[in-house]
Protein backbone atom coordinates (compact mmCIF):
# COMPACT_ATOMS: atom_id res chain seq x y z
CA MET A 1 109.12 109.45 106.50
CA THR A 2 106.56 111.54 104.72
CA LEU A 3 103.54 110.63 103.85
CA PRO A 4 100.87 112.64 101.96
CA ALA A 5 98.42 114.93 102.64
CA PRO A 6 95.32 112.98 104.66
CA THR A 7 92.82 112.13 102.69
CA ALA A 8 89.48 109.98 103.74
CA PRO A 9 90.96 107.00 101.09
CA LEU A 10 93.88 107.07 103.57
CA LEU A 11 92.49 107.30 106.46
CA GLN A 12 90.12 104.58 105.52
CA GLN A 13 92.95 102.47 104.44
CA ARG A 14 94.76 102.46 107.38
CA LEU A 15 91.73 101.67 109.96
CA GLN A 16 90.88 99.30 107.78
CA GLN A 17 94.60 97.22 108.50
CA VAL A 18 94.58 98.45 112.18
CA PHE A 19 90.83 97.58 113.08
CA ASN A 20 89.97 95.16 110.59
CA PRO A 21 86.23 96.68 110.90
CA GLN A 22 82.64 95.36 110.17
CA ALA A 23 81.49 98.66 109.13
CA LEU A 24 83.68 102.13 108.35
CA GLU A 25 82.82 105.36 106.96
CA VAL A 26 85.41 108.12 106.52
CA ILE A 27 83.72 111.53 105.31
CA ASP A 28 85.94 114.87 104.88
CA GLU A 29 84.13 117.31 106.31
CA SER A 30 86.93 120.25 105.34
CA GLY A 31 84.79 122.20 103.59
CA GLN A 32 82.72 122.64 106.20
CA HIS A 33 85.42 124.48 108.34
CA HIS A 34 86.05 126.96 106.12
CA GLY A 35 87.68 129.83 108.36
CA HIS A 36 87.95 127.59 111.46
CA ALA A 37 91.46 126.54 113.24
CA GLY A 38 93.17 124.26 111.80
CA ALA A 39 91.71 124.66 108.22
CA ASN A 40 94.18 125.20 105.15
CA GLY A 41 91.87 126.87 102.77
CA SER A 42 91.60 124.30 100.51
CA GLY A 43 88.90 122.41 101.60
CA PHE A 44 90.34 119.18 102.19
CA GLY A 45 92.90 117.24 104.24
CA THR A 46 92.25 118.67 107.71
CA HIS A 47 88.21 118.05 109.59
CA PHE A 48 87.45 114.12 109.39
CA ARG A 49 84.16 112.13 110.65
CA VAL A 50 85.36 108.74 111.47
CA ARG A 51 82.37 106.19 112.17
CA MET A 52 83.53 102.86 112.75
CA THR A 53 82.36 99.45 114.29
CA SER A 54 84.40 96.90 115.50
CA HIS A 55 85.37 93.82 117.64
CA LEU A 56 88.39 95.83 118.96
CA PHE A 57 86.51 98.21 121.14
CA THR A 58 84.69 95.60 122.52
CA GLY A 59 84.71 96.05 126.43
CA LYS A 60 86.56 99.52 126.17
CA SER A 61 84.92 102.61 126.94
CA PRO A 62 84.29 105.49 124.89
CA VAL A 63 87.63 107.46 125.53
CA ALA A 64 89.60 104.23 125.16
CA ARG A 65 88.10 103.58 121.60
CA HIS A 66 89.25 107.27 120.40
CA ARG A 67 92.68 106.92 121.88
CA LEU A 68 92.96 103.96 119.41
CA VAL A 69 91.93 105.82 116.83
CA TYR A 70 94.16 108.50 117.28
CA ASP A 71 96.78 106.22 117.91
CA ALA A 72 96.54 104.74 114.84
CA LEU A 73 96.26 107.85 112.82
CA GLN A 74 98.84 109.85 114.39
CA ASP A 75 100.70 110.06 111.82
CA PHE A 76 98.37 111.78 110.07
CA MET A 77 98.05 114.21 112.46
CA ASP A 78 101.47 115.56 112.03
CA GLN A 79 100.51 115.59 108.16
CA GLY A 80 97.96 118.29 108.83
CA LEU A 81 94.99 116.53 110.25
CA HIS A 82 93.36 118.78 112.70
CA ALA A 83 90.16 117.54 113.86
CA LEU A 84 88.80 113.83 113.89
CA ALA A 85 84.51 113.59 114.71
CA ILE A 86 84.88 109.78 115.83
CA GLU A 87 81.78 107.22 116.42
CA ALA A 88 83.60 104.20 117.53
CA LYS A 89 81.12 101.10 118.15
CA THR A 90 81.21 97.38 118.90
CA PRO A 91 79.18 95.33 117.19
CA ALA A 92 76.07 94.04 117.32
CA VAL A 93 75.42 90.68 119.46
CA PRO A 94 72.34 88.65 118.45
């Protein structure tokens, strides 16, 4: 199945479905990477920042949290997503 080029709303939708996060922000930072490896020249769809808080990260190391995010977005990686900056947190316990 061929997916459309990655966009912040598409990534956000996928992450919402997979993680049901308490907080989620997806930012397309591709324009800041013009001329860098993986940039496609359009300024969109290659470099993203994900900030997410989810109970699914509880008890997992930062590396394991990142792997979960990469696994959830792998098909977008296959469609041109080149880089992810990931901030994966667990909910604060009162």
